[in-house]
Amino acid sequence: MKLYVGNLSFDTTENDLQDLFAQYGEVREVALIQDKMTNRSRGFGFVTMGTAQAAEAAIAALHEKSFAGRNLTVNEARAREDRPARSFSGGARR
């Protein structure tokens, strides 16, 4: 089960998240989302837990709890919604 983890400190590392979530069960994957231009953390990421029970335990224990000075948002990740295509034309060209 994949979890969304938000309101992370910009200093948080993938290892930090691995260690935090491993207390509640097997962690299969950690992905900290970074800005493409600056390569800095965007303040959120995803953690994939080994079982639904481990994921539920992590949500119950960590949602709205303080970590590195910030109250975390932890919930089940939702599928990305289809977004309309973006137009970069900026209007008619002559």
N, C-alpha and C. Protein backbone atom coordinates (compact mmCIF):
# COMPACT_ATOMS: atom_id res chain seq x y z
N MET A 1 0.85 -1.17 0.00
CA MET A 1 0.00 0.00 0.00
C MET A 1 0.89 1.24 0.00
N LYS A 2 0.61 2.16 -0.92
CA LYS A 2 1.41 3.37 -1.05
C LYS A 2 0.78 4.49 -0.22
N LEU A 3 1.63 5.19 0.54
CA LEU A 3 1.19 6.28 1.39
C LEU A 3 1.76 7.61 0.90
N TYR A 4 0.96 8.64 1.00
CA TYR A 4 1.40 10.01 0.76
C TYR A 4 1.89 10.56 2.09
N VAL A 5 3.03 11.22 2.09
CA VAL A 5 3.57 11.83 3.30
C VAL A 5 3.86 13.29 2.98
N GLY A 6 3.12 14.19 3.61
CA GLY A 6 3.26 15.61 3.32
C GLY A 6 3.69 16.42 4.52
N ASN A 7 3.99 17.68 4.27
CA ASN A 7 4.45 18.65 5.26
C ASN A 7 5.79 18.25 5.86
N LEU A 8 6.64 17.68 5.00
CA LEU A 8 7.98 17.28 5.45
C LEU A 8 8.91 18.48 5.50
N SER A 9 9.84 18.44 6.43
CA SER A 9 10.91 19.42 6.46
C SER A 9 11.73 19.26 5.18
N PHE A 10 12.22 20.37 4.65
CA PHE A 10 13.03 20.31 3.43
C PHE A 10 14.36 19.59 3.67
N ASP A 11 14.71 19.36 4.93
CA ASP A 11 15.95 18.65 5.27
C ASP A 11 15.76 17.14 5.40
N THR A 12 14.53 16.67 5.32
CA THR A 12 14.24 15.25 5.46
C THR A 12 14.82 14.47 4.28
N THR A 13 15.43 13.31 4.58
CA THR A 13 16.01 12.46 3.54
C THR A 13 15.15 11.19 3.38
N GLU A 14 15.40 10.47 2.30
CA GLU A 14 14.71 9.19 2.10
C GLU A 14 15.06 8.21 3.22
N ASN A 15 16.29 8.26 3.70
CA ASN A 15 16.69 7.39 4.82
C ASN A 15 15.91 7.73 6.08
N ASP A 16 15.66 9.02 6.32
CA ASP A 16 14.87 9.43 7.48
C ASP A 16 13.47 8.81 7.41
N LEU A 17 12.85 8.88 6.23
CA LEU A 17 11.51 8.31 6.07
C LEU A 17 11.54 6.79 6.21
N GLN A 18 12.55 6.16 5.64
CA GLN A 18 12.70 4.71 5.75
C GLN A 18 12.73 4.31 7.22
N ASP A 19 13.56 4.97 8.00
CA ASP A 19 13.70 4.65 9.41
C ASP A 19 12.41 4.91 10.19
N LEU A 20 11.75 6.01 9.89
CA LEU A 20 10.51 6.37 10.59
C LEU A 20 9.42 5.34 10.33
N PHE A 21 9.20 4.99 9.08
CA PHE A 21 8.10 4.10 8.73
C PHE A 21 8.41 2.63 9.01
N ALA A 22 9.68 2.25 9.07
CA ALA A 22 10.07 0.87 9.34
C ALA A 22 9.62 0.41 10.74
N GLN A 23 9.34 1.35 11.62
CA GLN A 23 8.86 1.01 12.96
C GLN A 23 7.50 0.32 12.91
N TYR A 24 6.78 0.47 11.77
CA TYR A 24 5.41 -0.02 11.67
C TYR A 24 5.27 -1.20 10.71
N GLY A 25 6.37 -1.62 10.10
CA GLY A 25 6.34 -2.77 9.20
C GLY A 25 7.33 -2.61 8.07
N GLU A 26 7.29 -3.57 7.16
CA GLU A 26 8.21 -3.57 6.02
C GLU A 26 7.97 -2.36 5.12
N VAL A 27 9.05 -1.67 4.79
CA VAL A 27 9.00 -0.56 3.84
C VAL A 27 9.59 -1.06 2.53
N ARG A 28 8.80 -1.04 1.48
CA ARG A 28 9.27 -1.53 0.18
C ARG A 28 9.94 -0.46 -0.65
N GLU A 29 9.45 0.78 -0.53
CA GLU A 29 10.01 1.85 -1.36
C GLU A 29 9.75 3.20 -0.69
N VAL A 30 10.71 4.11 -0.85
CA VAL A 30 10.56 5.49 -0.39
C VAL A 30 10.94 6.40 -1.54
N ALA A 31 10.09 7.37 -1.82
CA ALA A 31 10.37 8.34 -2.89
C ALA A 31 10.11 9.73 -2.35
N LEU A 32 11.16 10.51 -2.22
CA LEU A 32 11.05 11.89 -1.79
C LEU A 32 11.01 12.75 -3.06
N ILE A 33 10.00 13.55 -3.22
CA ILE A 33 9.81 14.31 -4.45
C ILE A 33 10.66 15.58 -4.39
N GLN A 34 11.42 15.79 -5.48
CA GLN A 34 12.32 16.95 -5.54
C GLN A 34 11.95 17.85 -6.70
N ASP A 35 12.22 19.13 -6.54
CA ASP A 35 12.01 20.11 -7.59
C ASP A 35 13.02 19.86 -8.70
N LYS A 36 12.55 19.82 -9.94
CA LYS A 36 13.44 19.52 -11.07
C LYS A 36 14.47 20.62 -11.32
N MET A 37 14.12 21.86 -11.04
CA MET A 37 15.02 22.97 -11.30
C MET A 37 16.10 23.13 -10.23
N THR A 38 15.69 23.02 -8.95
CA THR A 38 16.63 23.29 -7.86
C THR A 38 17.18 22.02 -7.22
N ASN A 39 16.55 20.87 -7.49
CA ASN A 39 16.91 19.59 -6.90
C ASN A 39 16.71 19.58 -5.38
N ARG A 40 15.89 20.51 -4.88
CA ARG A 40 15.54 20.55 -3.46
C ARG A 40 14.25 19.79 -3.23
N SER A 41 14.08 19.32 -2.03
CA SER A 41 12.85 18.63 -1.66
C SER A 41 11.66 19.55 -1.84
N ARG A 42 10.54 19.00 -2.28
CA ARG A 42 9.31 19.77 -2.41
C ARG A 42 8.45 19.64 -1.16
N GLY A 43 8.92 18.91 -0.16
CA GLY A 43 8.22 18.82 1.11
C GLY A 43 7.19 17.69 1.18
N PHE A 44 7.23 16.77 0.22
CA PHE A 44 6.36 15.62 0.30
C PHE A 44 7.01 14.43 -0.39
N GLY A 45 6.43 13.25 -0.14
CA GLY A 45 6.96 12.05 -0.74
C GLY A 45 5.97 10.91 -0.61
N PHE A 46 6.43 9.72 -0.98
CA PHE A 46 5.59 8.53 -0.93
C PHE A 46 6.37 7.39 -0.30
N VAL A 47 5.68 6.61 0.51
CA VAL A 47 6.26 5.44 1.15
C VAL A 47 5.36 4.26 0.82
N THR A 48 5.93 3.19 0.28
CA THR A 48 5.17 1.99 -0.01
C THR A 48 5.46 0.97 1.08
N MET A 49 4.40 0.61 1.80
CA MET A 49 4.53 -0.35 2.89
C MET A 49 4.28 -1.77 2.36
N GLY A 50 4.80 -2.77 3.06
CA GLY A 50 4.70 -4.15 2.63
C GLY A 50 3.30 -4.74 2.74
N THR A 51 2.54 -4.29 3.72
CA THR A 51 1.19 -4.82 3.91
C THR A 51 0.22 -3.68 4.21
N ALA A 52 -1.05 -3.96 4.00
CA ALA A 52 -2.09 -2.97 4.34
C ALA A 52 -2.10 -2.71 5.84
N GLN A 53 -1.86 -3.75 6.65
CA GLN A 53 -1.85 -3.58 8.10
C GLN A 53 -0.72 -2.65 8.54
N ALA A 54 0.45 -2.79 7.93
CA ALA A 54 1.57 -1.92 8.26
C ALA A 54 1.26 -0.48 7.86
N ALA A 55 0.64 -0.32 6.70
CA ALA A 55 0.28 1.02 6.23
C ALA A 55 -0.73 1.67 7.18
N GLU A 56 -1.74 0.91 7.57
CA GLU A 56 -2.74 1.45 8.49
C GLU A 56 -2.13 1.81 9.84
N ALA A 57 -1.20 0.99 10.32
CA ALA A 57 -0.52 1.29 11.59
C ALA A 57 0.29 2.57 11.47
N ALA A 58 0.98 2.75 10.34
CA ALA A 58 1.78 3.96 10.13
C ALA A 58 0.89 5.19 10.05
N ILE A 59 -0.23 5.10 9.36
CA ILE A 59 -1.15 6.23 9.27
C ILE A 59 -1.66 6.60 10.66
N ALA A 60 -2.11 5.59 11.41
CA ALA A 60 -2.65 5.84 12.76
C ALA A 60 -1.61 6.46 13.67
N ALA A 61 -0.36 6.03 13.55
CA ALA A 61 0.68 6.52 14.45
C ALA A 61 1.28 7.85 14.04
N LEU A 62 1.34 8.12 12.73
CA LEU A 62 2.13 9.27 12.27
C LEU A 62 1.33 10.46 11.75
N HIS A 63 0.07 10.26 11.37
CA HIS A 63 -0.71 11.38 10.83
C HIS A 63 -0.87 12.45 11.90
N GLU A 64 -0.50 13.67 11.55
CA GLU A 64 -0.55 14.86 12.42
C GLU A 64 0.41 14.79 13.60
N LYS A 65 1.40 13.91 13.52
CA LYS A 65 2.43 13.84 14.56
C LYS A 65 3.65 14.65 14.12
N SER A 66 4.36 15.19 15.09
CA SER A 66 5.53 16.01 14.81
C SER A 66 6.72 15.15 14.40
N PHE A 67 7.37 15.57 13.31
CA PHE A 67 8.60 14.94 12.85
C PHE A 67 9.48 16.05 12.28
N ALA A 68 10.68 16.19 12.81
CA ALA A 68 11.62 17.24 12.40
C ALA A 68 10.97 18.62 12.49
N GLY A 69 10.16 18.81 13.53
CA GLY A 69 9.56 20.11 13.79
C GLY A 69 8.31 20.44 12.98
N ARG A 70 7.77 19.48 12.24
CA ARG A 70 6.57 19.73 11.43
C ARG A 70 5.56 18.62 11.67
N ASN A 71 4.27 18.96 11.65
CA ASN A 71 3.23 17.95 11.80
C ASN A 71 2.96 17.30 10.45
N LEU A 72 3.18 16.00 10.39
CA LEU A 72 3.07 15.26 9.14
C LEU A 72 1.62 15.07 8.70
N THR A 73 1.44 14.97 7.40
CA THR A 73 0.19 14.51 6.81
C THR A 73 0.51 13.14 6.23
N VAL A 74 -0.17 12.12 6.72
CA VAL A 74 0.07 10.76 6.23
C VAL A 74 -1.28 10.13 5.90
N ASN A 75 -1.47 9.75 4.65
CA ASN A 75 -2.69 9.06 4.25
C ASN A 75 -2.43 8.20 3.03
N GLU A 76 -3.44 7.43 2.66
CA GLU A 76 -3.30 6.55 1.51
C GLU A 76 -3.15 7.41 0.26
N ALA A 77 -2.16 7.08 -0.55
CA ALA A 77 -1.93 7.83 -1.79
C ALA A 77 -3.06 7.54 -2.76
N ARG A 78 -3.49 8.58 -3.46
CA ARG A 78 -4.53 8.42 -4.48
C ARG A 78 -3.88 8.45 -5.85
N ALA A 79 -4.52 7.80 -6.79
CA ALA A 79 -4.01 7.81 -8.17
C ALA A 79 -4.05 9.23 -8.71
N ARG A 80 -3.08 9.55 -9.52
CA ARG A 80 -3.04 10.86 -10.15
C ARG A 80 -4.24 11.03 -11.06
N GLU A 81 -4.89 12.17 -10.94
CA GLU A 81 -6.04 12.43 -11.79
C GLU A 81 -5.58 12.81 -13.18
N ASP A 82 -6.36 12.40 -14.19
CA ASP A 82 -6.04 12.83 -15.54
C ASP A 82 -6.21 14.33 -15.62
N ARG A 83 -5.22 14.96 -16.17
CA ARG A 83 -5.27 16.42 -16.30
C ARG A 83 -5.42 16.78 -17.76
N PRO A 84 -6.12 17.88 -18.04
CA PRO A 84 -6.23 18.30 -19.44
C PRO A 84 -4.86 18.72 -19.97
N ALA A 85 -4.66 18.52 -21.25
CA ALA A 85 -3.39 18.92 -21.88
C ALA A 85 -3.20 20.43 -21.72
N ARG A 86 -1.97 20.82 -21.46
CA ARG A 86 -1.67 22.24 -21.30
C ARG A 86 -1.23 22.82 -22.63
N SER A 87 -1.68 24.01 -22.89
CA SER A 87 -1.29 24.70 -24.11
C SER A 87 -0.22 25.72 -23.78
N PHE A 88 0.85 25.69 -24.54
CA PHE A 88 1.95 26.62 -24.30
C PHE A 88 2.04 27.65 -25.43
N SER A 89 1.00 27.74 -26.25
CA SER A 89 1.07 28.59 -27.43
C SER A 89 1.06 30.08 -27.09
N GLY A 90 0.32 30.45 -26.06
CA GLY A 90 0.30 31.86 -25.66
C GLY A 90 -0.46 32.75 -26.62
N GLY A 91 -1.24 32.21 -27.50
CA GLY A 91 -2.04 33.02 -28.42
C GLY A 91 -1.59 32.86 -29.85
N ALA A 92 -2.24 33.61 -30.71
CA ALA A 92 -1.95 33.52 -32.15
C ALA A 92 -0.61 34.15 -32.48
N ARG A 93 0.07 33.57 -33.43
CA ARG A 93 1.37 34.11 -33.87
C ARG A 93 1.21 34.64 -35.29
N ARG A 94 1.87 35.72 -35.57
CA ARG A 94 1.77 36.30 -36.92
C ARG A 94 3.13 36.43 -37.54
